[in-house]
Amino acid sequence: MKLKQLLTAAAIILILPGAGDWKADAANAKVNFTVEGPFGTVHGNFTGLEATIHFDEKNLSGSSITASIDAKTVSSGVSLRNSDLRNKEIWLNTDKYPRISFKSRKIEKTDKGYQADGELTIKETTKPVTIPFSFEGKDATGVFKGQFKIKREDFHVGKTGGSVANEITIDLLVPVKN
């Protein structure tokens, strides 16, 4: 009887995906941004998230996140501004720089949840960033939530100085399945 139970347990383990391997629900993921502009706060978002997430709360040293978004999906709610963001070299020039990407170097536990230290690449410029985030998981589903700020001038986005604020806030909500 014990052999049968052992074989059943082994079969279940082989069928299940690796512990901590999560697949992002790209259709429901939210990558939003806000920045102060000359006429108030500009709210926008991106879609087209692609991510490889290996996150195990019990093995943070073995955890990693690699993610990118399709820069052409930038949407600010104003078609003329969207066109400028997508097409002008001073902004994102999405034909030349089609992806915005992040790759973690280290994931750590914090007082408020977790943080991913890594590198963000926009317009072929890579800078270190820290993304504080939370994770809520139950059974085979979960959600990552995070917020961080970047300086657009660090990534050569927009004019130095100018009427658009330098600091951009990015909010993330990424539902996942195991």
N, C-alpha and C. Protein backbone atom coordinates (compact mmCIF):
# COMPACT_ATOMS: atom_id res chain seq x y z
N MET A 1 0.82 -1.19 0.00
CA MET A 1 0.00 0.00 0.00
C MET A 1 0.87 1.27 0.00
N LYS A 2 1.94 1.27 0.76
CA LYS A 2 2.80 2.45 0.83
C LYS A 2 3.44 2.73 -0.52
N LEU A 3 3.81 1.72 -1.27
CA LEU A 3 4.40 1.91 -2.57
C LEU A 3 3.43 2.61 -3.51
N LYS A 4 2.16 2.23 -3.48
CA LYS A 4 1.15 2.85 -4.32
C LYS A 4 0.99 4.34 -3.96
N GLN A 5 0.97 4.66 -2.68
CA GLN A 5 0.86 6.06 -2.24
C GLN A 5 2.10 6.86 -2.68
N LEU A 6 3.26 6.25 -2.56
CA LEU A 6 4.49 6.91 -2.96
C LEU A 6 4.50 7.19 -4.46
N LEU A 7 4.07 6.22 -5.26
CA LEU A 7 4.01 6.41 -6.70
C LEU A 7 2.98 7.48 -7.09
N THR A 8 1.85 7.50 -6.40
CA THR A 8 0.83 8.52 -6.66
C THR A 8 1.37 9.91 -6.33
N ALA A 9 2.03 10.06 -5.19
CA ALA A 9 2.61 11.35 -4.80
C ALA A 9 3.66 11.78 -5.81
N ALA A 10 4.49 10.86 -6.26
CA ALA A 10 5.53 11.19 -7.24
C ALA A 10 4.89 11.64 -8.56
N ALA A 11 3.84 10.99 -8.97
CA ALA A 11 3.16 11.36 -10.22
C ALA A 11 2.56 12.76 -10.12
N ILE A 12 1.96 13.08 -8.98
CA ILE A 12 1.38 14.41 -8.78
C ILE A 12 2.48 15.48 -8.83
N ILE A 13 3.60 15.23 -8.20
CA ILE A 13 4.71 16.18 -8.19
C ILE A 13 5.24 16.41 -9.60
N LEU A 14 5.32 15.37 -10.40
CA LEU A 14 5.83 15.51 -11.76
C LEU A 14 4.87 16.28 -12.66
N ILE A 15 3.57 16.18 -12.39
CA ILE A 15 2.57 16.85 -13.20
C ILE A 15 2.51 18.34 -12.88
N LEU A 16 2.67 18.69 -11.59
CA LEU A 16 2.58 20.09 -11.18
C LEU A 16 3.76 20.89 -11.69
N PRO A 17 3.55 22.18 -12.01
CA PRO A 17 4.68 23.02 -12.40
C PRO A 17 5.59 23.23 -11.21
N GLY A 18 6.81 23.69 -11.47
CA GLY A 18 7.77 23.92 -10.40
C GLY A 18 7.25 24.90 -9.38
N ALA A 19 7.52 24.64 -8.11
CA ALA A 19 7.07 25.53 -7.06
C ALA A 19 7.64 26.91 -7.31
N GLY A 20 6.78 27.89 -7.27
CA GLY A 20 7.23 29.25 -7.44
C GLY A 20 7.25 29.73 -8.87
N ASP A 21 6.92 28.90 -9.84
CA ASP A 21 6.86 29.35 -11.22
C ASP A 21 5.46 29.87 -11.49
N TRP A 22 5.37 31.14 -11.85
CA TRP A 22 4.09 31.81 -12.04
C TRP A 22 3.97 32.31 -13.47
N LYS A 23 2.77 32.20 -14.02
CA LYS A 23 2.49 32.71 -15.36
C LYS A 23 1.61 33.94 -15.21
N ALA A 24 2.08 35.06 -15.74
CA ALA A 24 1.33 36.31 -15.67
C ALA A 24 0.09 36.24 -16.54
N ASP A 25 -1.02 36.74 -16.02
CA ASP A 25 -2.27 36.88 -16.76
C ASP A 25 -2.19 38.22 -17.49
N ALA A 26 -1.55 38.23 -18.65
CA ALA A 26 -1.26 39.48 -19.37
C ALA A 26 -2.52 40.26 -19.71
N ALA A 27 -3.61 39.57 -20.00
CA ALA A 27 -4.85 40.27 -20.38
C ALA A 27 -5.40 41.10 -19.22
N ASN A 28 -5.14 40.69 -18.00
CA ASN A 28 -5.67 41.41 -16.83
C ASN A 28 -4.61 42.17 -16.05
N ALA A 29 -3.37 42.11 -16.50
CA ALA A 29 -2.29 42.84 -15.82
C ALA A 29 -2.45 44.33 -16.10
N LYS A 30 -2.07 45.12 -15.11
CA LYS A 30 -2.14 46.58 -15.25
C LYS A 30 -0.77 47.18 -15.00
N VAL A 31 -0.29 47.93 -15.99
CA VAL A 31 0.96 48.69 -15.87
C VAL A 31 0.55 50.14 -16.14
N ASN A 32 0.34 50.90 -15.06
CA ASN A 32 -0.14 52.27 -15.15
C ASN A 32 0.95 53.24 -14.76
N PHE A 33 0.85 54.46 -15.28
CA PHE A 33 1.80 55.50 -14.90
C PHE A 33 1.08 56.82 -14.69
N THR A 34 1.68 57.68 -13.87
CA THR A 34 1.22 59.05 -13.69
C THR A 34 2.42 59.97 -13.68
N VAL A 35 2.21 61.15 -14.25
CA VAL A 35 3.26 62.18 -14.30
C VAL A 35 2.56 63.53 -14.36
N GLU A 36 3.14 64.50 -13.70
CA GLU A 36 2.58 65.85 -13.75
C GLU A 36 2.96 66.50 -15.07
N GLY A 37 1.97 67.02 -15.77
CA GLY A 37 2.19 67.71 -17.03
C GLY A 37 1.83 69.18 -16.91
N PRO A 38 1.93 69.91 -18.00
CA PRO A 38 1.65 71.35 -17.94
C PRO A 38 0.19 71.68 -17.63
N PHE A 39 -0.71 70.73 -17.85
CA PHE A 39 -2.14 70.97 -17.62
C PHE A 39 -2.71 70.03 -16.57
N GLY A 40 -1.87 69.52 -15.67
CA GLY A 40 -2.34 68.63 -14.61
C GLY A 40 -1.69 67.26 -14.71
N THR A 41 -2.24 66.33 -13.96
CA THR A 41 -1.70 64.98 -13.90
C THR A 41 -2.10 64.19 -15.14
N VAL A 42 -1.12 63.55 -15.76
CA VAL A 42 -1.37 62.68 -16.91
C VAL A 42 -1.37 61.25 -16.39
N HIS A 43 -2.45 60.53 -16.69
CA HIS A 43 -2.58 59.12 -16.34
C HIS A 43 -2.47 58.31 -17.62
N GLY A 44 -1.76 57.21 -17.55
CA GLY A 44 -1.63 56.38 -18.73
C GLY A 44 -1.35 54.94 -18.36
N ASN A 45 -1.23 54.11 -19.39
CA ASN A 45 -0.95 52.69 -19.15
C ASN A 45 -0.28 52.07 -20.36
N PHE A 46 0.22 50.87 -20.12
CA PHE A 46 0.78 50.01 -21.15
C PHE A 46 0.10 48.66 -21.06
N THR A 47 0.07 47.94 -22.16
CA THR A 47 -0.38 46.55 -22.18
C THR A 47 0.71 45.73 -22.86
N GLY A 48 0.44 44.47 -23.10
CA GLY A 48 1.42 43.63 -23.78
C GLY A 48 2.51 43.11 -22.86
N LEU A 49 2.15 42.88 -21.59
CA LEU A 49 3.12 42.36 -20.62
C LEU A 49 3.54 40.95 -20.98
N GLU A 50 4.84 40.72 -20.94
CA GLU A 50 5.42 39.37 -21.03
C GLU A 50 6.31 39.23 -19.82
N ALA A 51 6.17 38.13 -19.09
CA ALA A 51 6.96 37.98 -17.86
C ALA A 51 7.29 36.52 -17.59
N THR A 52 8.49 36.33 -17.04
CA THR A 52 8.92 35.06 -16.50
C THR A 52 9.13 35.30 -15.01
N ILE A 53 8.28 34.69 -14.20
CA ILE A 53 8.30 34.95 -12.76
C ILE A 53 8.56 33.65 -12.02
N HIS A 54 9.67 33.63 -11.32
CA HIS A 54 9.95 32.53 -10.41
C HIS A 54 10.03 33.17 -9.02
N PHE A 55 8.95 33.02 -8.27
CA PHE A 55 8.87 33.65 -6.95
C PHE A 55 8.42 32.61 -5.93
N ASP A 56 9.29 32.36 -4.97
CA ASP A 56 9.00 31.41 -3.90
C ASP A 56 9.32 32.12 -2.58
N GLU A 57 8.27 32.40 -1.80
CA GLU A 57 8.45 33.12 -0.54
C GLU A 57 9.43 32.43 0.40
N LYS A 58 9.60 31.13 0.23
CA LYS A 58 10.52 30.36 1.09
C LYS A 58 11.92 30.26 0.50
N ASN A 59 12.10 30.74 -0.72
CA ASN A 59 13.41 30.68 -1.38
C ASN A 59 13.62 31.95 -2.20
N LEU A 60 13.74 33.08 -1.52
CA LEU A 60 13.89 34.35 -2.22
C LEU A 60 15.21 34.43 -2.99
N SER A 61 16.25 33.78 -2.49
CA SER A 61 17.53 33.82 -3.21
C SER A 61 17.43 33.10 -4.55
N GLY A 62 16.50 32.19 -4.69
CA GLY A 62 16.30 31.49 -5.95
C GLY A 62 15.18 32.10 -6.80
N SER A 63 14.63 33.22 -6.34
CA SER A 63 13.52 33.87 -7.05
C SER A 63 14.04 34.89 -8.05
N SER A 64 13.28 35.11 -9.11
CA SER A 64 13.67 36.09 -10.12
C SER A 64 12.44 36.54 -10.91
N ILE A 65 12.55 37.74 -11.46
CA ILE A 65 11.48 38.29 -12.30
C ILE A 65 12.13 38.92 -13.52
N THR A 66 11.65 38.54 -14.68
CA THR A 66 12.03 39.18 -15.93
C THR A 66 10.73 39.56 -16.61
N ALA A 67 10.60 40.84 -16.99
CA ALA A 67 9.34 41.29 -17.58
C ALA A 67 9.61 42.36 -18.62
N SER A 68 8.71 42.45 -19.58
CA SER A 68 8.79 43.52 -20.57
C SER A 68 7.37 43.86 -21.03
N ILE A 69 7.25 45.07 -21.55
CA ILE A 69 5.97 45.51 -22.11
C ILE A 69 6.21 46.05 -23.51
N ASP A 70 5.17 46.02 -24.28
CA ASP A 70 5.19 46.54 -25.64
C ASP A 70 5.03 48.05 -25.57
N ALA A 71 6.08 48.80 -25.88
CA ALA A 71 6.05 50.26 -25.76
C ALA A 71 5.00 50.89 -26.66
N LYS A 72 4.67 50.25 -27.78
CA LYS A 72 3.67 50.81 -28.71
C LYS A 72 2.27 50.86 -28.10
N THR A 73 2.06 50.16 -27.00
CA THR A 73 0.73 50.14 -26.39
C THR A 73 0.50 51.31 -25.44
N VAL A 74 1.47 52.21 -25.32
CA VAL A 74 1.31 53.35 -24.42
C VAL A 74 0.01 54.09 -24.75
N SER A 75 -0.76 54.37 -23.72
CA SER A 75 -2.02 55.08 -23.90
C SER A 75 -2.19 56.08 -22.77
N SER A 76 -2.43 57.34 -23.15
CA SER A 76 -2.61 58.40 -22.16
C SER A 76 -4.02 58.98 -22.21
N GLY A 77 -4.86 58.43 -23.06
CA GLY A 77 -6.22 58.92 -23.19
C GLY A 77 -6.38 60.06 -24.18
N VAL A 78 -5.28 60.54 -24.76
CA VAL A 78 -5.32 61.63 -25.74
C VAL A 78 -4.56 61.16 -26.98
N SER A 79 -5.26 61.02 -28.11
CA SER A 79 -4.65 60.42 -29.30
C SER A 79 -3.44 61.20 -29.81
N LEU A 80 -3.48 62.53 -29.80
CA LEU A 80 -2.33 63.30 -30.27
C LEU A 80 -1.12 63.07 -29.36
N ARG A 81 -1.34 63.06 -28.05
CA ARG A 81 -0.23 62.80 -27.11
C ARG A 81 0.29 61.38 -27.30
N ASN A 82 -0.61 60.39 -27.50
CA ASN A 82 -0.18 59.01 -27.75
C ASN A 82 0.70 58.93 -28.99
N SER A 83 0.31 59.65 -30.04
CA SER A 83 1.10 59.66 -31.27
C SER A 83 2.49 60.23 -31.01
N ASP A 84 2.56 61.33 -30.27
CA ASP A 84 3.87 61.92 -29.94
C ASP A 84 4.71 60.95 -29.11
N LEU A 85 4.10 60.33 -28.10
CA LEU A 85 4.83 59.39 -27.24
C LEU A 85 5.40 58.23 -28.05
N ARG A 86 4.62 57.73 -29.00
CA ARG A 86 5.03 56.57 -29.79
C ARG A 86 6.04 56.93 -30.89
N ASN A 87 5.90 58.10 -31.48
CA ASN A 87 6.63 58.39 -32.71
C ASN A 87 7.81 59.32 -32.59
N LYS A 88 7.85 60.16 -31.59
CA LYS A 88 8.92 61.14 -31.51
C LYS A 88 10.13 60.59 -30.74
N GLU A 89 11.31 60.85 -31.29
CA GLU A 89 12.55 60.39 -30.65
C GLU A 89 12.69 60.94 -29.24
N ILE A 90 12.24 62.16 -29.01
CA ILE A 90 12.37 62.77 -27.69
C ILE A 90 11.56 62.00 -26.63
N TRP A 91 10.50 61.32 -27.05
CA TRP A 91 9.68 60.53 -26.12
C TRP A 91 10.09 59.06 -26.21
N LEU A 92 9.24 58.18 -26.66
CA LEU A 92 9.56 56.74 -26.64
C LEU A 92 10.04 56.17 -27.97
N ASN A 93 9.70 56.80 -29.08
CA ASN A 93 10.07 56.30 -30.41
C ASN A 93 9.96 54.77 -30.46
N THR A 94 8.75 54.29 -30.39
CA THR A 94 8.50 52.86 -30.22
C THR A 94 8.89 52.00 -31.42
N ASP A 95 9.04 52.59 -32.59
CA ASP A 95 9.55 51.80 -33.73
C ASP A 95 11.02 51.45 -33.49
N LYS A 96 11.77 52.39 -32.95
CA LYS A 96 13.19 52.17 -32.69
C LYS A 96 13.43 51.41 -31.39
N TYR A 97 12.58 51.64 -30.38
CA TYR A 97 12.72 51.03 -29.05
C TYR A 97 11.41 50.34 -28.68
N PRO A 98 11.15 49.16 -29.23
CA PRO A 98 9.82 48.54 -29.09
C PRO A 98 9.48 47.97 -27.71
N ARG A 99 10.46 47.70 -26.85
CA ARG A 99 10.17 47.07 -25.56
C ARG A 99 10.76 47.88 -24.41
N ILE A 100 10.05 47.87 -23.31
CA ILE A 100 10.55 48.38 -22.03
C ILE A 100 10.69 47.16 -21.15
N SER A 101 11.86 46.97 -20.53
CA SER A 101 12.08 45.70 -19.82
C SER A 101 12.69 45.89 -18.44
N PHE A 102 12.46 44.87 -17.61
CA PHE A 102 13.01 44.83 -16.24
C PHE A 102 13.54 43.42 -16.00
N LYS A 103 14.70 43.37 -15.35
CA LYS A 103 15.27 42.08 -14.95
C LYS A 103 15.78 42.22 -13.52
N SER A 104 15.26 41.37 -12.64
CA SER A 104 15.69 41.44 -11.23
C SER A 104 17.09 40.86 -11.07
N ARG A 105 17.80 41.40 -10.09
CA ARG A 105 19.09 40.85 -9.67
C ARG A 105 18.96 40.17 -8.33
N LYS A 106 18.02 40.68 -7.50
CA LYS A 106 17.85 40.16 -6.15
C LYS A 106 16.43 40.49 -5.68
N ILE A 107 15.83 39.55 -4.95
CA ILE A 107 14.52 39.76 -4.34
C ILE A 107 14.68 39.53 -2.85
N GLU A 108 14.17 40.49 -2.05
CA GLU A 108 14.32 40.41 -0.61
C GLU A 108 12.99 40.66 0.09
N LYS A 109 12.90 40.15 1.32
CA LYS A 109 11.76 40.42 2.21
C LYS A 109 12.00 41.78 2.85
N THR A 110 10.92 42.57 3.02
CA THR A 110 10.99 43.87 3.69
C THR A 110 9.90 43.92 4.76
N ASP A 111 9.88 45.01 5.52
CA ASP A 111 8.84 45.19 6.54
C ASP A 111 7.45 45.24 5.93
N LYS A 112 7.34 45.73 4.70
CA LYS A 112 6.03 45.92 4.06
C LYS A 112 5.71 44.88 3.00
N GLY A 113 6.58 43.92 2.80
CA GLY A 113 6.37 42.91 1.77
C GLY A 113 7.69 42.43 1.21
N TYR A 114 7.96 42.83 -0.04
CA TYR A 114 9.17 42.40 -0.72
C TYR A 114 9.70 43.57 -1.55
N GLN A 115 10.91 43.38 -2.06
CA GLN A 115 11.43 44.32 -3.04
C GLN A 115 12.29 43.56 -4.03
N ALA A 116 12.18 44.00 -5.28
CA ALA A 116 13.01 43.44 -6.35
C ALA A 116 14.00 44.52 -6.77
N ASP A 117 15.27 44.24 -6.58
CA ASP A 117 16.32 45.12 -7.07
C ASP A 117 16.72 44.59 -8.44
N GLY A 118 16.75 45.49 -9.41
CA GLY A 118 17.09 45.03 -10.75
C GLY A 118 17.41 46.17 -11.67
N GLU A 119 17.27 45.89 -12.96
CA GLU A 119 17.62 46.86 -13.98
C GLU A 119 16.44 47.08 -14.91
N LEU A 120 16.12 48.36 -15.10
CA LEU A 120 15.05 48.77 -16.00
C LEU A 120 15.69 49.35 -17.26
N THR A 121 15.19 48.91 -18.42
CA THR A 121 15.72 49.42 -19.69
C THR A 121 14.60 50.10 -20.46
N ILE A 122 14.84 51.37 -20.78
CA ILE A 122 13.95 52.16 -21.62
C ILE A 122 14.83 52.86 -22.64
N LYS A 123 14.48 52.75 -23.92
CA LYS A 123 15.23 53.39 -25.01
C LYS A 123 16.72 53.02 -24.94
N GLU A 124 17.01 51.75 -24.73
CA GLU A 124 18.37 51.21 -24.67
C GLU A 124 19.22 51.81 -23.55
N THR A 125 18.58 52.47 -22.59
CA THR A 125 19.27 52.98 -21.41
C THR A 125 18.84 52.12 -20.24
N THR A 126 19.82 51.54 -19.55
CA THR A 126 19.55 50.65 -18.42
C THR A 126 20.02 51.31 -17.14
N LYS A 127 19.11 51.34 -16.16
CA LYS A 127 19.40 51.95 -14.85
C LYS A 127 18.92 51.01 -13.75
N PRO A 128 19.60 51.03 -12.59
CA PRO A 128 19.12 50.23 -11.47
C PRO A 128 17.84 50.82 -10.87
N VAL A 129 16.91 49.97 -10.52
CA VAL A 129 15.69 50.38 -9.84
C VAL A 129 15.36 49.37 -8.75
N THR A 130 14.62 49.83 -7.77
CA THR A 130 14.08 48.96 -6.73
C THR A 130 12.57 49.05 -6.81
N ILE A 131 11.93 47.90 -6.90
CA ILE A 131 10.48 47.85 -6.98
C ILE A 131 9.94 47.19 -5.72
N PRO A 132 9.36 47.97 -4.79
CA PRO A 132 8.70 47.37 -3.64
C PRO A 132 7.40 46.71 -4.12
N PHE A 133 7.09 45.53 -3.60
CA PHE A 133 5.87 44.87 -4.03
C PHE A 133 5.31 43.97 -2.94
N SER A 134 4.05 43.63 -3.12
CA SER A 134 3.40 42.67 -2.24
C SER A 134 2.97 41.48 -3.09
N PHE A 135 2.76 40.36 -2.44
CA PHE A 135 2.27 39.18 -3.13
C PHE A 135 1.22 38.52 -2.26
N GLU A 136 0.07 38.25 -2.85
CA GLU A 136 -0.99 37.50 -2.19
C GLU A 136 -1.29 36.30 -3.05
N GLY A 137 -1.10 35.12 -2.48
CA GLY A 137 -1.35 33.91 -3.24
C GLY A 137 -2.22 32.94 -2.48
N LYS A 138 -3.01 32.19 -3.23
CA LYS A 138 -3.83 31.14 -2.64
C LYS A 138 -3.94 30.03 -3.67
N ASP A 139 -3.58 28.84 -3.24
CA ASP A 139 -3.60 27.68 -4.12
C ASP A 139 -2.74 27.96 -5.36
N ALA A 140 -3.35 27.95 -6.53
CA ALA A 140 -2.57 28.10 -7.76
C ALA A 140 -2.73 29.48 -8.40
N THR A 141 -3.22 30.47 -7.64
CA THR A 141 -3.36 31.82 -8.18
C THR A 141 -2.75 32.83 -7.22
N GLY A 142 -2.49 34.00 -7.72
CA GLY A 142 -1.95 35.05 -6.87
C GLY A 142 -1.97 36.38 -7.59
N VAL A 143 -1.51 37.40 -6.87
CA VAL A 143 -1.42 38.72 -7.48
C VAL A 143 -0.22 39.46 -6.88
N PHE A 144 0.55 40.04 -7.77
CA PHE A 144 1.66 40.91 -7.39
C PHE A 144 1.19 42.35 -7.55
N LYS A 145 1.49 43.19 -6.55
CA LYS A 145 1.17 44.61 -6.62
C LYS A 145 2.43 45.38 -6.24
N GLY A 146 2.73 46.41 -7.02
CA GLY A 146 3.92 47.20 -6.73
C GLY A 146 3.78 48.62 -7.21
N GLN A 147 4.63 49.48 -6.66
CA GLN A 147 4.68 50.86 -7.10
C GLN A 147 6.11 51.36 -6.95
N PHE A 148 6.58 52.08 -7.95
CA PHE A 148 7.92 52.67 -7.87
C PHE A 148 7.96 53.93 -8.73
N LYS A 149 9.02 54.70 -8.56
CA LYS A 149 9.19 55.95 -9.29
C LYS A 149 10.49 55.91 -10.07
N ILE A 150 10.45 56.55 -11.22
CA ILE A 150 11.67 56.72 -12.02
C ILE A 150 11.77 58.18 -12.43
N LYS A 151 12.95 58.56 -12.82
CA LYS A 151 13.17 59.90 -13.37
C LYS A 151 13.29 59.74 -14.88
N ARG A 152 12.34 60.36 -15.59
CA ARG A 152 12.29 60.18 -17.05
C ARG A 152 13.57 60.66 -17.73
N GLU A 153 14.20 61.68 -17.18
CA GLU A 153 15.42 62.20 -17.79
C GLU A 153 16.56 61.18 -17.71
N ASP A 154 16.54 60.30 -16.70
CA ASP A 154 17.55 59.24 -16.61
C ASP A 154 17.51 58.31 -17.82
N PHE A 155 16.32 58.21 -18.45
CA PHE A 155 16.12 57.31 -19.59
C PHE A 155 15.99 58.08 -20.91
N HIS A 156 16.33 59.37 -20.90
CA HIS A 156 16.29 60.21 -22.10
C HIS A 156 14.88 60.27 -22.70
N VAL A 157 13.89 60.38 -21.80
CA VAL A 157 12.50 60.50 -22.22
C VAL A 157 12.06 61.94 -21.96
N GLY A 158 11.70 62.64 -23.02
CA GLY A 158 11.28 64.04 -22.88
C GLY A 158 12.48 64.97 -22.85
N LYS A 159 12.16 66.23 -22.80
CA LYS A 159 13.17 67.30 -22.80
C LYS A 159 13.68 67.51 -21.38
N THR A 160 14.97 67.76 -21.24
CA THR A 160 15.53 68.10 -19.94
C THR A 160 14.86 69.38 -19.47
N GLY A 161 14.42 69.36 -18.20
CA GLY A 161 13.63 70.49 -17.71
C GLY A 161 12.25 70.37 -18.32
N GLY A 162 11.81 71.38 -19.00
CA GLY A 162 10.53 71.32 -19.70
C GLY A 162 9.35 71.38 -18.76
N SER A 163 8.16 71.27 -19.33
CA SER A 163 6.94 71.42 -18.55
C SER A 163 6.40 70.11 -17.98
N VAL A 164 6.99 68.98 -18.35
CA VAL A 164 6.58 67.69 -17.81
C VAL A 164 7.50 67.35 -16.64
N ALA A 165 6.92 66.96 -15.52
CA ALA A 165 7.72 66.63 -14.33
C ALA A 165 8.70 65.51 -14.66
N ASN A 166 9.81 65.50 -13.96
CA ASN A 166 10.83 64.49 -14.18
C ASN A 166 10.44 63.14 -13.57
N GLU A 167 9.69 63.16 -12.49
CA GLU A 167 9.36 61.93 -11.77
C GLU A 167 8.07 61.30 -12.30
N ILE A 168 8.17 60.02 -12.64
CA ILE A 168 7.02 59.25 -13.12
C ILE A 168 6.75 58.15 -12.11
N THR A 169 5.50 58.02 -11.70
CA THR A 169 5.10 56.94 -10.79
C THR A 169 4.51 55.81 -11.61
N ILE A 170 4.97 54.59 -11.34
CA ILE A 170 4.50 53.41 -12.06
C ILE A 170 3.83 52.47 -11.06
N ASP A 171 2.59 52.09 -11.36
CA ASP A 171 1.82 51.16 -10.53
C ASP A 171 1.64 49.85 -11.30
N LEU A 172 1.89 48.76 -10.60
CA LEU A 172 1.79 47.43 -11.20
C LEU A 172 0.75 46.58 -10.47
N LEU A 173 -0.05 45.86 -11.22
CA LEU A 173 -0.96 44.86 -10.67
C LEU A 173 -0.92 43.69 -11.65
N VAL A 174 -0.33 42.57 -11.20
CA VAL A 174 -0.11 41.45 -12.10
C VAL A 174 -0.71 40.18 -11.50
N PRO A 175 -1.89 39.77 -11.98
CA PRO A 175 -2.44 38.49 -11.55
C PRO A 175 -1.63 37.35 -12.17
N VAL A 176 -1.47 36.26 -11.42
CA VAL A 176 -0.66 35.13 -11.89
C VAL A 176 -1.35 33.80 -11.59
N LYS A 177 -0.93 32.80 -12.34
CA LYS A 177 -1.38 31.42 -12.12
C LYS A 177 -0.16 30.53 -12.03
N ASN A 178 -0.25 29.51 -11.21
CA ASN A 178 0.87 28.58 -11.02
C ASN A 178 0.74 27.44 -12.01
